[in-house]
């Protein structure tokens, strides 16, 4: 059974940083693309970042480029989202996702197979 467990969310002041982690189990971590999405109240779930199976390629939404960094730790089967220079508009529930064959559809939430339960990130102004 695949499990993705997010942690690291919380309340932070604008301009601050948070580090989200997603621990993966029940899947072949080294062969899965890993991603982060977020969903704010009343809005659709949107793509944030993704990293390919080898870690050699990363992808970011324009809204977070230059502020967020995605990485993966194969020893711990964990994907990390380092979020810097946070803004109030980054407030959302952040979800971890995994898929073995996402191809070029990494930005589409409907294409991902496995999801975590989410962790709340709140950025105050």
Foldseek 3Di string as FASTA:
>chain_A
DKAWAKDWADEEAAQAKIKMKIFIDPDDLLQKKKFKWWDDPPGDIWGAKIAGSNRPDIDGDPVQPPFWDWGADPVRSMIMIIGGRDDQVVWTWMKMFIDRPLDPVNGPPVSTDDIHPTDTHGYHD
